[in-house]
C-alpha atoms as a PDB file:
ATOM      1  CA  THR A   1       0.000   0.000   0.000  1.00  0.00           C
ATOM      2  CA  ARG A   2       2.940   2.342   0.392  1.00  0.00           C
ATOM      3  CA  LEU A   3       3.509   2.396  -3.343  1.00  0.00           C
ATOM      4  CA  ARG A   4      -0.168   3.137  -3.875  1.00  0.00           C
ATOM      5  CA  MET A   5      -0.112   5.914  -1.269  1.00  0.00           C
ATOM      6  CA  GLY A   6       2.937   7.522  -2.893  1.00  0.00           C
ATOM      7  CA  SER A   7       1.239   7.376  -6.266  1.00  0.00           C
ATOM      8  CA  ILE A   8      -1.777   9.265  -4.923  1.00  0.00           C
ATOM      9  CA  GLU A   9       0.471  11.962  -3.464  1.00  0.00           C
ATOM     10  CA  VAL A  10       2.203  12.378  -6.827  1.00  0.00           C
ATOM     11  CA  ASP A  11      -1.166  12.555  -8.593  1.00  0.00           C
ATOM     12  CA  VAL A  12      -2.415  15.186  -6.147  1.00  0.00           C
ATOM     13  CA  GLY A  13       0.805  17.162  -6.633  1.00  0.00           C
ATOM     14  CA  ILE A  14       0.464  17.081 -10.417  1.00  0.00           C
ATOM     15  CA  VAL A  15      -3.170  18.219 -10.213  1.00  0.00           C
ATOM     16  CA  ALA A  16      -2.169  21.051  -7.856  1.00  0.00           C
ATOM     17  CA  VAL A  17       0.551  22.238 -10.256  1.00  0.00           C
ATOM     18  CA  ILE A  18      -1.865  22.086 -13.209  1.00  0.00           C
ATOM     19  CA  PHE A  19      -4.523  24.100 -11.376  1.00  0.00           C
ATOM     20  CA  THR A  20      -1.966  26.655 -10.193  1.00  0.00           C
ATOM     21  CA  GLY A  21      -0.724  27.141 -13.746  1.00  0.00           C
ATOM     22  CA  LEU A  22      -4.284  27.341 -15.038  1.00  0.00           C
ATOM     23  CA  GLY A  23      -5.152  29.953 -12.389  1.00  0.00           C
ATOM     24  CA  VAL A  24      -2.157  32.100 -13.312  1.00  0.00           C
ATOM     25  CA  TRP A  25      -3.004  31.853 -17.022  1.00  0.00           C
ATOM     26  CA  ILE A  26      -6.686  32.722 -16.497  1.00  0.00           C
ATOM     27  CA  SER A  27      -5.909  35.671 -14.227  1.00  0.00           C
ATOM     28  CA  SER A  28      -3.424  37.116 -16.721  1.00  0.00           C
ATOM     29  CA  ALA A  29      -5.883  36.604 -19.588  1.00  0.00           C
ATOM     30  CA  LEU A  30      -8.735  38.278 -17.712  1.00  0.00           C
ATOM     31  CA  ARG A  31      -6.749  41.108 -16.186  1.00  0.00           C
ATOM     32  CA  LYS A  32      -7.733  44.435 -17.653  1.00  0.00           C
ATOM     33  CA  PRO A  33      -4.897  46.466 -19.110  1.00  0.00           C
ATOM     34  CA  GLN A  34      -3.865  49.197 -16.714  1.00  0.00           C
ATOM     35  CA  ARG A  35      -4.993  52.650 -17.795  1.00  0.00           C
ATOM     36  CA  LYS A  36      -2.093  54.997 -18.034  1.00  0.00           C
ATOM     37  CA  ASN A  37      -2.307  57.703 -15.413  1.00  0.00           C
ATOM     38  CA  PRO A  38      -1.927  61.099 -17.113  1.00  0.00           C
ATOM     39  CA  GLU A  39       0.077  62.290 -14.105  1.00  0.00           C
ATOM     40  CA  ASP A  40       2.729  59.598 -14.777  1.00  0.00           C
ATOM     41  CA  THR A  41       3.809  61.008 -18.129  1.00  0.00           C
ATOM     42  CA  ASP A  42       6.736  63.327 -18.723  1.00  0.00           C
ATOM     43  CA  GLU A  43       4.551  65.530 -20.908  1.00  0.00           C
ATOM     44  CA  PRO A  44       2.736  68.414 -19.204  1.00  0.00           C
ATOM     45  CA  PHE A  45      -1.064  68.199 -19.120  1.00  0.00           C
ATOM     46  CA  GLN A  46      -2.723  69.969 -22.037  1.00  0.00           C
ATOM     47  CA  PRO A  47      -6.390  70.846 -21.487  1.00  0.00           C
ATOM     48  CA  ASN A  48      -8.742  69.905 -24.311  1.00  0.00           C
ATOM     49  CA  GLN A  49      -9.089  73.320 -25.964  1.00  0.00           C
ATOM     50  CA  LYS A  50     -11.754  72.081 -28.368  1.00  0.00           C
ATOM     51  CA  ILE A  51     -14.055  71.113 -25.484  1.00  0.00           C
ATOM     52  CA  ILE A  52     -13.260  74.334 -23.610  1.00  0.00           C
ATOM     53  CA  THR A  53     -14.254  76.330 -26.690  1.00  0.00           C
ATOM     54  CA  GLU A  54     -17.383  74.228 -27.286  1.00  0.00           C
ATOM     55  CA  LEU A  55     -18.475  74.741 -23.677  1.00  0.00           C
ATOM     56  CA  GLY A  56     -17.711  78.452 -23.895  1.00  0.00           C
ATOM     57  CA  LEU A  57     -15.537  78.457 -20.765  1.00  0.00           C
ATOM     58  CA  THR A  58     -13.599  81.702 -20.376  1.00  0.00           C
ATOM     59  CA  GLU A  59      -9.994  81.948 -19.165  1.00  0.00           C
ATOM     60  CA  ARG A  60     -11.218  83.264 -15.805  1.00  0.00           C
ATOM     61  CA  GLU A  61     -13.752  80.440 -15.474  1.00  0.00           C
ATOM     62  CA  MET A  62     -10.988  77.926 -16.230  1.00  0.00           C
ATOM     63  CA  GLU A  63      -8.799  79.569 -13.603  1.00  0.00           C
ATOM     64  CA  ILE A  64     -11.597  79.316 -11.042  1.00  0.00           C
ATOM     65  CA  LEU A  65     -12.410  75.724 -12.037  1.00  0.00           C
ATOM     66  CA  GLU A  66      -8.772  74.743 -11.458  1.00  0.00           C
ATOM     67  CA  LEU A  67      -8.789  76.431  -8.036  1.00  0.00           C
ATOM     68  CA  ILE A  68     -12.024  74.620  -7.153  1.00  0.00           C
ATOM     69  CA  ALA A  69     -10.354  71.340  -8.167  1.00  0.00           C
ATOM     70  CA  GLU A  70      -7.432  72.184  -5.868  1.00  0.00           C
ATOM     71  CA  GLY A  71      -9.927  72.396  -3.001  1.00  0.00           C
ATOM     72  CA  HIS A  72     -10.094  76.158  -2.486  1.00  0.00           C
ATOM     73  CA  SER A  73     -13.219  77.760  -1.041  1.00  0.00           C
ATOM     74  CA  ASN A  74     -14.976  80.636  -2.777  1.00  0.00           C
ATOM     75  CA  GLN A  75     -13.495  83.013  -0.194  1.00  0.00           C
ATOM     76  CA  GLU A  76      -9.974  81.705  -0.845  1.00  0.00           C
ATOM     77  CA  ILE A  77     -10.478  81.996  -4.606  1.00  0.00           C
ATOM     78  CA  ALA A  78     -11.662  85.594  -4.201  1.00  0.00           C
ATOM     79  CA  GLY A  79      -8.527  86.407  -2.186  1.00  0.00           C
ATOM     80  CA  LYS A  80      -6.160  84.688  -4.622  1.00  0.00           C
ATOM     81  CA  LEU A  81      -7.639  86.372  -7.695  1.00  0.00           C
ATOM     82  CA  PHE A  82      -8.303  89.748  -6.043  1.00  0.00           C
ATOM     83  CA  ILE A  83     -12.000  89.662  -6.938  1.00  0.00           C
ATOM     84  CA  SER A  84     -15.131  89.860  -4.809  1.00  0.00           C
ATOM     85  CA  LEU A  85     -16.848  86.815  -3.348  1.00  0.00           C
ATOM     86  CA  SER A  86     -19.921  87.721  -5.377  1.00  0.00           C
ATOM     87  CA  THR A  87     -17.869  87.616  -8.592  1.00  0.00           C
ATOM     88  CA  VAL A  88     -16.508  84.171  -7.692  1.00  0.00           C
ATOM     89  CA  LYS A  89     -20.051  82.927  -7.071  1.00  0.00           C
ATOM     90  CA  THR A  90     -21.179  84.329 -10.427  1.00  0.00           C
ATOM     91  CA  HIS A  91     -18.295  82.575 -12.201  1.00  0.00           C
ATOM     92  CA  CYS A  92     -19.099  79.327 -10.352  1.00  0.00           C
ATOM     93  CA  SER A  93     -22.724  79.581 -11.396  1.00  0.00           C
ATOM     94  CA  ASN A  94     -21.650  80.101 -15.024  1.00  0.00           C
ATOM     95  CA  ILE A  95     -19.257  77.135 -14.831  1.00  0.00           C
ATOM     96  CA  PHE A  96     -21.957  74.875 -13.367  1.00  0.00           C
ATOM     97  CA  SER A  97     -24.386  75.935 -16.076  1.00  0.00           C
ATOM     98  CA  LYS A  98     -21.887  75.320 -18.888  1.00  0.00           C
ATOM     99  CA  LEU A  99     -20.933  71.911 -17.478  1.00  0.00           C
ATOM    100  CA  ASP A 100     -24.597  71.118 -16.724  1.00  0.00           C
ATOM    101  CA  VAL A 101     -23.921  70.276 -13.067  1.00  0.00           C
ATOM    102  CA  LYS A 102     -25.289  71.414  -9.710  1.00  0.00           C
ATOM    103  CA  ARG A 103     -22.317  71.045  -7.339  1.00  0.00           C
ATOM    104  CA  ARG A 104     -18.579  71.724  -7.181  1.00  0.00           C
ATOM    105  CA  THR A 105     -17.731  68.028  -6.933  1.00  0.00           C
ATOM    106  CA  GLN A 106     -19.784  67.300 -10.047  1.00  0.00           C
ATOM    107  CA  ALA A 107     -18.067  70.157 -11.888  1.00  0.00           C
ATOM    108  CA  ILE A 108     -14.620  68.778 -11.024  1.00  0.00           C
ATOM    109  CA  GLN A 109     -15.580  65.243 -12.036  1.00  0.00           C
ATOM    110  CA  LYS A 110     -17.117  66.298 -15.346  1.00  0.00           C
ATOM    111  CA  ALA A 111     -14.233  68.644 -16.190  1.00  0.00           C
ATOM    112  CA  LYS A 112     -11.755  65.802 -15.583  1.00  0.00           C
ATOM    113  CA  GLU A 113     -13.818  63.395 -17.687  1.00  0.00           C
ATOM    114  CA  LEU A 114     -13.846  65.927 -20.532  1.00  0.00           C
ATOM    115  CA  GLY A 115     -10.091  66.491 -20.280  1.00  0.00           C
ATOM    116  CA  VAL A 116     -10.536  70.129 -19.337  1.00  0.00           C
ATOM    117  CA  ILE A 117      -8.588  69.863 -16.070  1.00  0.00           C
ATOM    118  CA  LEU A 118      -6.205  67.296 -14.612  1.00  0.00           C
END
C-alpha cells in the first residue's frame, strides 16, 4: 500500500501544479490592461481646448475651475484672484451651467472626464 499511497500523493501534486498554472493563465488573460495615469507622463497636461471652446468656458472660469479642483473655497479663490466673493459665485454659477452640473464636486468630475482639467 505504500507504493499506492505515494502514487496518490504524486497525482495530487500534479493536479495542484496544473490548477496553479491554469489559475495564473486565467488571471493574466482576464486582467484588464492598466490605464495609463496622465500624471505619470513626462509631458505636461494639455487641457482639451476644443471642449473648452465648445463649452464656452472663459480663461477666468478655467482659472476658477482649477482652483475649485485644488480644493479652495470661494473666499480663498476671491482672495487669490483679487476679486469679490460675489464675482466668484457668479463665475461658479456660469461654470456649473456650462458643465450642466449642480455642485462643485460634479463640476470637477465632469471637467476631468472631458479632459478640461487634470
